[in-house]
PDB file of N, CA and C in Angstrom:
ATOM      1  N   UNK A   1       2.414  39.689 -18.610  1.00  0.00           N
ATOM      2  CA  UNK A   1       3.230  39.444 -17.432  1.00  0.00           C
ATOM      3  C   UNK A   1       2.777  38.139 -16.777  1.00  0.00           C
ATOM      4  N   UNK A   2       3.724  37.388 -16.313  1.00  0.00           N
ATOM      5  CA  UNK A   2       3.459  36.115 -15.663  1.00  0.00           C
ATOM      6  C   UNK A   2       3.221  36.319 -14.177  1.00  0.00           C
ATOM      7  N   UNK A   3       2.165  35.703 -13.673  1.00  0.00           N
ATOM      8  CA  UNK A   3       1.879  35.763 -12.237  1.00  0.00           C
ATOM      9  C   UNK A   3       2.463  34.525 -11.562  1.00  0.00           C
ATOM     10  N   UNK A   4       3.492  34.737 -10.758  1.00  0.00           N
ATOM     11  CA  UNK A   4       4.109  33.636 -10.023  1.00  0.00           C
ATOM     12  C   UNK A   4       3.406  33.467  -8.689  1.00  0.00           C
ATOM     13  N   UNK A   5       3.152  32.206  -8.317  1.00  0.00           N
ATOM     14  CA  UNK A   5       2.471  31.886  -7.065  1.00  0.00           C
ATOM     15  C   UNK A   5       3.433  31.132  -6.158  1.00  0.00           C
ATOM     16  N   UNK A   6       3.457  31.524  -4.908  1.00  0.00           N
ATOM     17  CA  UNK A   6       4.261  30.808  -3.918  1.00  0.00           C
ATOM     18  C   UNK A   6       3.540  29.492  -3.630  1.00  0.00           C
ATOM     19  N   UNK A   7       4.249  28.384  -3.753  1.00  0.00           N
ATOM     20  CA  UNK A   7       3.631  27.066  -3.622  1.00  0.00           C
ATOM     21  C   UNK A   7       2.975  26.870  -2.261  1.00  0.00           C
ATOM     22  N   UNK A   8       3.593  27.371  -1.210  1.00  0.00           N
ATOM     23  CA  UNK A   8       3.010  27.178   0.131  1.00  0.00           C
ATOM     24  C   UNK A   8       1.734  27.999   0.333  1.00  0.00           C
ATOM     25  N   UNK A   9       1.515  29.035  -0.508  1.00  0.00           N
ATOM     26  CA  UNK A   9       0.311  29.865  -0.397  1.00  0.00           C
ATOM     27  C   UNK A   9      -0.795  29.458  -1.359  1.00  0.00           C
ATOM     28  N   UNK A  10      -0.416  28.922  -2.527  1.00  0.00           N
ATOM     29  CA  UNK A  10      -1.392  28.640  -3.584  1.00  0.00           C
ATOM     30  C   UNK A  10      -0.963  27.388  -4.336  1.00  0.00           C
ATOM     31  N   UNK A  11      -1.649  26.302  -4.096  1.00  0.00           N
ATOM     32  CA  UNK A  11      -1.288  25.023  -4.712  1.00  0.00           C
ATOM     33  C   UNK A  11      -1.542  25.052  -6.222  1.00  0.00           C
ATOM     34  N   UNK A  12      -0.701  24.379  -6.980  1.00  0.00           N
ATOM     35  CA  UNK A  12      -0.897  24.334  -8.429  1.00  0.00           C
ATOM     36  C   UNK A  12      -2.053  23.410  -8.797  1.00  0.00           C
ATOM     37  N   UNK A  13      -2.618  23.584  -9.986  1.00  0.00           N
ATOM     38  CA  UNK A  13      -3.664  22.666 -10.433  1.00  0.00           C
ATOM     39  C   UNK A  13      -3.081  21.273 -10.679  1.00  0.00           C
ATOM     40  N   UNK A  14      -3.864  20.251 -10.437  1.00  0.00           N
ATOM     41  CA  UNK A  14      -3.418  18.872 -10.646  1.00  0.00           C
ATOM     42  C   UNK A  14      -3.294  18.556 -12.137  1.00  0.00           C
ATOM     43  N   UNK A  15      -2.248  17.815 -12.484  1.00  0.00           N
ATOM     44  CA  UNK A  15      -2.022  17.293 -13.832  1.00  0.00           C
ATOM     45  C   UNK A  15      -2.004  18.368 -14.916  1.00  0.00           C
ATOM     46  N   UNK A  16      -1.607  19.583 -14.564  1.00  0.00           N
ATOM     47  CA  UNK A  16      -1.449  20.658 -15.545  1.00  0.00           C
ATOM     48  C   UNK A  16       0.018  21.074 -15.588  1.00  0.00           C
ATOM     49  N   UNK A  17       0.588  21.075 -16.778  1.00  0.00           N
ATOM     50  CA  UNK A  17       1.981  21.464 -16.932  1.00  0.00           C
ATOM     51  C   UNK A  17       2.115  22.955 -16.646  1.00  0.00           C
ATOM     52  N   UNK A  18       2.998  23.290 -15.715  1.00  0.00           N
ATOM     53  CA  UNK A  18       3.218  24.681 -15.323  1.00  0.00           C
ATOM     54  C   UNK A  18       4.726  24.951 -15.275  1.00  0.00           C
ATOM     55  N   UNK A  19       5.095  26.220 -15.235  1.00  0.00           N
ATOM     56  CA  UNK A  19       6.493  26.597 -15.041  1.00  0.00           C
ATOM     57  C   UNK A  19       6.753  26.616 -13.537  1.00  0.00           C
ATOM     58  N   UNK A  20       7.911  26.101 -13.141  1.00  0.00           N
ATOM     59  CA  UNK A  20       8.295  26.123 -11.729  1.00  0.00           C
ATOM     60  C   UNK A  20       9.711  26.681 -11.599  1.00  0.00           C
ATOM     61  N   UNK A  21       9.979  27.318 -10.464  1.00  0.00           N
ATOM     62  CA  UNK A  21      11.305  27.864 -10.202  1.00  0.00           C
ATOM     63  C   UNK A  21      11.619  27.761  -8.716  1.00  0.00           C
ATOM     64  N   UNK A  22      12.886  27.880  -8.412  1.00  0.00           N
ATOM     65  CA  UNK A  22      13.354  27.831  -7.032  1.00  0.00           C
ATOM     66  C   UNK A  22      14.867  27.826  -7.029  1.00  0.00           C
ATOM     67  N   UNK A  23      15.477  27.683  -5.863  1.00  0.00           N
ATOM     68  CA  UNK A  23      16.941  27.663  -5.794  1.00  0.00           C
ATOM     69  C   UNK A  23      17.491  26.396  -6.447  1.00  0.00           C
ATOM     70  N   UNK A  24      18.563  26.545  -7.207  1.00  0.00           N
ATOM     71  CA  UNK A  24      19.127  25.397  -7.924  1.00  0.00           C
ATOM     72  C   UNK A  24      20.188  24.655  -7.116  1.00  0.00           C
ATOM     73  N   UNK A  25      20.826  25.352  -6.183  1.00  0.00           N
ATOM     74  CA  UNK A  25      21.921  24.738  -5.448  1.00  0.00           C
ATOM     75  C   UNK A  25      23.254  24.868  -6.170  1.00  0.00           C
ATOM     76  N   UNK A  26      23.245  25.533  -7.331  1.00  0.00           N
ATOM     77  CA  UNK A  26      24.478  25.740  -8.093  1.00  0.00           C
ATOM     78  C   UNK A  26      24.965  27.171  -7.937  1.00  0.00           C
ATOM     79  N   UNK A  27      26.251  27.378  -8.150  1.00  0.00           N
ATOM     80  CA  UNK A  27      26.845  28.700  -8.002  1.00  0.00           C
ATOM     81  C   UNK A  27      26.612  29.561  -9.244  1.00  0.00           C
ATOM     82  N   UNK A  28      26.808  28.975 -10.431  1.00  0.00           N
ATOM     83  CA  UNK A  28      26.720  29.776 -11.650  1.00  0.00           C
ATOM     84  C   UNK A  28      25.294  30.214 -11.972  1.00  0.00           C
ATOM     85  N   UNK A  29      24.340  29.335 -11.753  1.00  0.00           N
ATOM     86  CA  UNK A  29      22.924  29.661 -11.967  1.00  0.00           C
ATOM     87  C   UNK A  29      22.198  29.328 -10.672  1.00  0.00           C
ATOM     88  N   UNK A  30      21.885  30.336  -9.903  1.00  0.00           N
ATOM     89  CA  UNK A  30      21.357  30.101  -8.556  1.00  0.00           C
ATOM     90  C   UNK A  30      19.882  29.703  -8.538  1.00  0.00           C
ATOM     91  N   UNK A  31      19.169  29.895  -9.657  1.00  0.00           N
ATOM     92  CA  UNK A  31      17.761  29.491  -9.740  1.00  0.00           C
ATOM     93  C   UNK A  31      17.567  28.578 -10.936  1.00  0.00           C
ATOM     94  N   UNK A  32      16.554  27.725 -10.860  1.00  0.00           N
ATOM     95  CA  UNK A  32      16.209  26.881 -11.998  1.00  0.00           C
ATOM     96  C   UNK A  32      14.825  27.272 -12.518  1.00  0.00           C
ATOM     97  N   UNK A  33      14.557  26.934 -13.772  1.00  0.00           N
ATOM     98  CA  UNK A  33      13.251  27.128 -14.401  1.00  0.00           C
ATOM     99  C   UNK A  33      12.954  25.860 -15.177  1.00  0.00           C
ATOM    100  N   UNK A  34      11.851  25.205 -14.842  1.00  0.00           N
ATOM    101  CA  UNK A  34      11.487  23.934 -15.469  1.00  0.00           C
ATOM    102  C   UNK A  34      10.000  23.911 -15.762  1.00  0.00           C
ATOM    103  N   UNK A  35       9.600  23.017 -16.668  1.00  0.00           N
ATOM    104  CA  UNK A  35       8.190  22.688 -16.857  1.00  0.00           C
ATOM    105  C   UNK A  35       7.928  21.426 -16.055  1.00  0.00           C
ATOM    106  N   UNK A  36       6.887  21.446 -15.253  1.00  0.00           N
ATOM    107  CA  UNK A  36       6.595  20.296 -14.397  1.00  0.00           C
ATOM    108  C   UNK A  36       5.112  20.284 -14.036  1.00  0.00           C
ATOM    109  N   UNK A  37       4.690  19.193 -13.405  1.00  0.00           N
ATOM    110  CA  UNK A  37       3.297  19.068 -12.963  1.00  0.00           C
ATOM    111  C   UNK A  37       3.237  18.232 -11.690  1.00  0.00           C
ATOM    112  N   UNK A  38       2.108  18.323 -11.026  1.00  0.00           N
ATOM    113  CA  UNK A  38       1.837  17.536  -9.821  1.00  0.00           C
ATOM    114  C   UNK A  38       0.653  16.630 -10.130  1.00  0.00           C
ATOM    115  N   UNK A  39       0.764  15.360  -9.774  1.00  0.00           N
ATOM    116  CA  UNK A  39      -0.346  14.414  -9.942  1.00  0.00           C
ATOM    117  C   UNK A  39      -0.438  13.592  -8.666  1.00  0.00           C
ATOM    118  N   UNK A  40      -1.331  13.985  -7.784  1.00  0.00           N
ATOM    119  CA  UNK A  40      -1.450  13.329  -6.475  1.00  0.00           C
ATOM    120  C   UNK A  40      -1.904  11.877  -6.592  1.00  0.00           C
ATOM    121  N   UNK A  41      -2.556  11.498  -7.691  1.00  0.00           N
ATOM    122  CA  UNK A  41      -2.956  10.105  -7.867  1.00  0.00           C
ATOM    123  C   UNK A  41      -1.755   9.245  -8.270  1.00  0.00           C
ATOM    124  N   UNK A  42      -0.863   9.800  -9.100  1.00  0.00           N
ATOM    125  CA  UNK A  42       0.299   9.060  -9.591  1.00  0.00           C
ATOM    126  C   UNK A  42       1.409   8.996  -8.540  1.00  0.00           C
ATOM    127  N   UNK A  43       1.741  10.134  -7.961  1.00  0.00           N
ATOM    128  CA  UNK A  43       2.774  10.208  -6.917  1.00  0.00           C
ATOM    129  C   UNK A  43       2.263  11.074  -5.777  1.00  0.00           C
ATOM    130  N   UNK A  44       1.518  10.491  -4.850  1.00  0.00           N
ATOM    131  CA  UNK A  44       0.959  11.290  -3.749  1.00  0.00           C
ATOM    132  C   UNK A  44       2.036  11.845  -2.823  1.00  0.00           C
ATOM    133  N   UNK A  45       1.775  13.038  -2.305  1.00  0.00           N
ATOM    134  CA  UNK A  45       2.726  13.673  -1.383  1.00  0.00           C
ATOM    135  C   UNK A  45       2.561  13.145   0.038  1.00  0.00           C
ATOM    136  N   UNK A  46       1.427  12.555   0.324  1.00  0.00           N
ATOM    137  CA  UNK A  46       1.142  11.978   1.644  1.00  0.00           C
ATOM    138  C   UNK A  46       1.373  12.962   2.778  1.00  0.00           C
ATOM    139  N   UNK A  47       0.936  14.205   2.556  1.00  0.00           N
ATOM    140  CA  UNK A  47       1.029  15.218   3.592  1.00  0.00           C
ATOM    141  C   UNK A  47       2.356  15.960   3.624  1.00  0.00           C
ATOM    142  N   UNK A  48       3.310  15.540   2.821  1.00  0.00           N
ATOM    143  CA  UNK A  48       4.608  16.218   2.771  1.00  0.00           C
ATOM    144  C   UNK A  48       4.644  17.220   1.629  1.00  0.00           C
ATOM    145  N   UNK A  49       5.841  17.521   1.172  1.00  0.00           N
ATOM    146  CA  UNK A  49       6.005  18.449   0.051  1.00  0.00           C
ATOM    147  C   UNK A  49       5.421  17.841  -1.222  1.00  0.00           C
ATOM    148  N   UNK A  50       4.921  18.699  -2.118  1.00  0.00           N
ATOM    149  CA  UNK A  50       4.389  18.220  -3.389  1.00  0.00           C
ATOM    150  C   UNK A  50       5.473  17.490  -4.163  1.00  0.00           C
ATOM    151  N   UNK A  51       5.081  16.438  -4.851  1.00  0.00           N
ATOM    152  CA  UNK A  51       6.041  15.653  -5.637  1.00  0.00           C
ATOM    153  C   UNK A  51       5.891  16.028  -7.101  1.00  0.00           C
ATOM    154  N   UNK A  52       6.774  16.880  -7.569  1.00  0.00           N
ATOM    155  CA  UNK A  52       6.728  17.412  -8.928  1.00  0.00           C
ATOM    156  C   UNK A  52       7.296  16.412  -9.918  1.00  0.00           C
ATOM    157  N   UNK A  53       6.652  16.306 -11.085  1.00  0.00           N
ATOM    158  CA  UNK A  53       7.102  15.450 -12.176  1.00  0.00           C
ATOM    159  C   UNK A  53       7.523  16.317 -13.360  1.00  0.00           C
ATOM    160  N   UNK A  54       8.577  15.907 -14.060  1.00  0.00           N
ATOM    161  CA  UNK A  54       9.005  16.611 -15.266  1.00  0.00           C
ATOM    162  C   UNK A  54       8.159  16.134 -16.446  1.00  0.00           C
ATOM    163  N   UNK A  55       8.383  16.719 -17.611  1.00  0.00           N
ATOM    164  CA  UNK A  55       7.629  16.313 -18.804  1.00  0.00           C
ATOM    165  C   UNK A  55       7.947  14.880 -19.214  1.00  0.00           C
ATOM    166  N   UNK A  56       9.058  14.331 -18.727  1.00  0.00           N
ATOM    167  CA  UNK A  56       9.408  12.938 -19.023  1.00  0.00           C
ATOM    168  C   UNK A  56       9.027  11.998 -17.872  1.00  0.00           C
ATOM    169  N   UNK A  57       8.201  12.483 -16.950  1.00  0.00           N
ATOM    170  CA  UNK A  57       7.712  11.722 -15.793  1.00  0.00           C
ATOM    171  C   UNK A  57       8.784  11.387 -14.762  1.00  0.00           C
ATOM    172  N   UNK A  58       9.912  12.062 -14.809  1.00  0.00           N
ATOM    173  CA  UNK A  58      10.928  11.900 -13.776  1.00  0.00           C
ATOM    174  C   UNK A  58      10.593  12.827 -12.609  1.00  0.00           C
ATOM    175  N   UNK A  59      11.019  12.455 -11.429  1.00  0.00           N
ATOM    176  CA  UNK A  59      10.808  13.312 -10.268  1.00  0.00           C
ATOM    177  C   UNK A  59      11.761  14.504 -10.353  1.00  0.00           C
ATOM    178  N   UNK A  60      11.238  15.705 -10.225  1.00  0.00           N
ATOM    179  CA  UNK A  60      12.064  16.912 -10.279  1.00  0.00           C
ATOM    180  C   UNK A  60      13.102  16.901  -9.154  1.00  0.00           C
ATOM    181  N   UNK A  61      12.758  16.289  -8.040  1.00  0.00           N
ATOM    182  CA  UNK A  61      13.690  16.216  -6.914  1.00  0.00           C
ATOM    183  C   UNK A  61      14.904  15.339  -7.237  1.00  0.00           C
ATOM    184  N   UNK A  62      14.792  14.454  -8.238  1.00  0.00           N
ATOM    185  CA  UNK A  62      15.944  13.645  -8.645  1.00  0.00           C
ATOM    186  C   UNK A  62      17.068  14.530  -9.179  1.00  0.00           C
ATOM    187  N   UNK A  63      16.706  15.717  -9.687  1.00  0.00           N
ATOM    188  CA  UNK A  63      17.702  16.677 -10.181  1.00  0.00           C
ATOM    189  C   UNK A  63      18.191  17.571  -9.052  1.00  0.00           C
ATOM    190  N   UNK A  64      17.621  17.408  -7.867  1.00  0.00           N
ATOM    191  CA  UNK A  64      17.978  18.259  -6.741  1.00  0.00           C
ATOM    192  C   UNK A  64      17.202  19.562  -6.721  1.00  0.00           C
ATOM    193  N   UNK A  65      16.123  19.641  -7.528  1.00  0.00           N
ATOM    194  CA  UNK A  65      15.321  20.856  -7.612  1.00  0.00           C
ATOM    195  C   UNK A  65      14.055  20.729  -6.771  1.00  0.00           C
ATOM    196  N   UNK A  66      13.820  21.738  -5.950  1.00  0.00           N
ATOM    197  CA  UNK A  66      12.634  21.793  -5.097  1.00  0.00           C
ATOM    198  C   UNK A  66      11.969  23.144  -5.328  1.00  0.00           C
ATOM    199  N   UNK A  67      10.913  23.174  -6.153  1.00  0.00           N
ATOM    200  CA  UNK A  67      10.278  24.442  -6.517  1.00  0.00           C
ATOM    201  C   UNK A  67       9.713  25.192  -5.315  1.00  0.00           C
ATOM    202  N   UNK A  68       9.789  26.509  -5.412  1.00  0.00           N
ATOM    203  CA  UNK A  68       9.183  27.377  -4.400  1.00  0.00           C
ATOM    204  C   UNK A  68       8.029  28.184  -4.992  1.00  0.00           C
ATOM    205  N   UNK A  69       8.021  28.345  -6.338  1.00  0.00           N
ATOM    206  CA  UNK A  69       6.994  29.130  -7.016  1.00  0.00           C
ATOM    207  C   UNK A  69       6.578  28.444  -8.317  1.00  0.00           C
ATOM    208  N   UNK A  70       5.338  28.701  -8.753  1.00  0.00           N
ATOM    209  CA  UNK A  70       4.857  28.171 -10.028  1.00  0.00           C
ATOM    210  C   UNK A  70       4.038  29.242 -10.757  1.00  0.00           C
ATOM    211  N   UNK A  71       3.923  29.090 -12.077  1.00  0.00           N
ATOM    212  CA  UNK A  71       3.132  29.995 -12.908  1.00  0.00           C
ATOM    213  C   UNK A  71       2.588  29.210 -14.097  1.00  0.00           C
ATOM    214  N   UNK A  72       1.438  29.632 -14.589  1.00  0.00           N
ATOM    215  CA  UNK A  72       0.874  28.983 -15.784  1.00  0.00           C
ATOM    216  C   UNK A  72       1.736  29.311 -17.003  1.00  0.00           C
ATOM    217  N   UNK A  73       1.800  28.362 -17.929  1.00  0.00           N
ATOM    218  CA  UNK A  73       2.552  28.542 -19.169  1.00  0.00           C
ATOM    219  C   UNK A  73       1.747  29.460 -20.075  1.00  0.00           C
ATOM    220  N   UNK A  74       2.443  30.361 -20.757  1.00  0.00           N
ATOM    221  CA  UNK A  74       1.781  31.331 -21.625  1.00  0.00           C
ATOM    222  C   UNK A  74       2.112  31.050 -23.083  1.00  0.00           C
ATOM    223  N   UNK A  75       1.119  31.133 -23.932  1.00  0.00           N
ATOM    224  CA  UNK A  75       1.286  31.112 -25.394  1.00  0.00           C
ATOM    225  C   UNK A  75       2.090  29.939 -25.949  1.00  0.00           C
ATOM    226  N   UNK A  76       1.823  28.732 -25.483  1.00  0.00           N
ATOM    227  CA  UNK A  76       2.448  27.590 -26.112  1.00  0.00           C
ATOM    228  C   UNK A  76       1.754  27.342 -27.453  1.00  0.00           C
ATOM    229  N   UNK A  77       2.489  26.963 -28.478  1.00  0.00           N
ATOM    230  CA  UNK A  77       1.836  26.693 -29.765  1.00  0.00           C
ATOM    231  C   UNK A  77       0.990  25.429 -29.666  1.00  0.00           C
ATOM    232  N   UNK A  78      -0.055  25.394 -30.479  1.00  0.00           N
ATOM    233  CA  UNK A  78      -0.906  24.203 -30.531  1.00  0.00           C
ATOM    234  C   UNK A  78      -0.123  23.062 -31.172  1.00  0.00           C
ATOM    235  N   UNK A  79      -0.399  21.830 -30.740  1.00  0.00           N
ATOM    236  CA  UNK A  79       0.256  20.682 -31.350  1.00  0.00           C
ATOM    237  C   UNK A  79      -0.319  20.460 -32.737  1.00  0.00           C
ATOM    238  N   UNK A  80       0.547  20.116 -33.661  1.00  0.00           N
ATOM    239  CA  UNK A  80       0.108  19.863 -35.043  1.00  0.00           C
ATOM    240  C   UNK A  80      -0.389  18.452 -35.192  1.00  0.00           C
TER     241      UNK A  80
END
């Protein structure tokens, strides 16, 4: 079972890819699920909301997604 953490209660680890979810703003799929990370050295939040990056280094907020919860990724295969 995956343990989801509320971002405002438990900050995610820095520079670790995690699963994130929150409201999507869309009608058909009201929540989103993405892989993302936070790197305060690369994109500091400066006291505001955490600035999430996607696996392609794009800002998750560029998609209109603002995560409310995060969880560690489970059982990813090792890279060959």
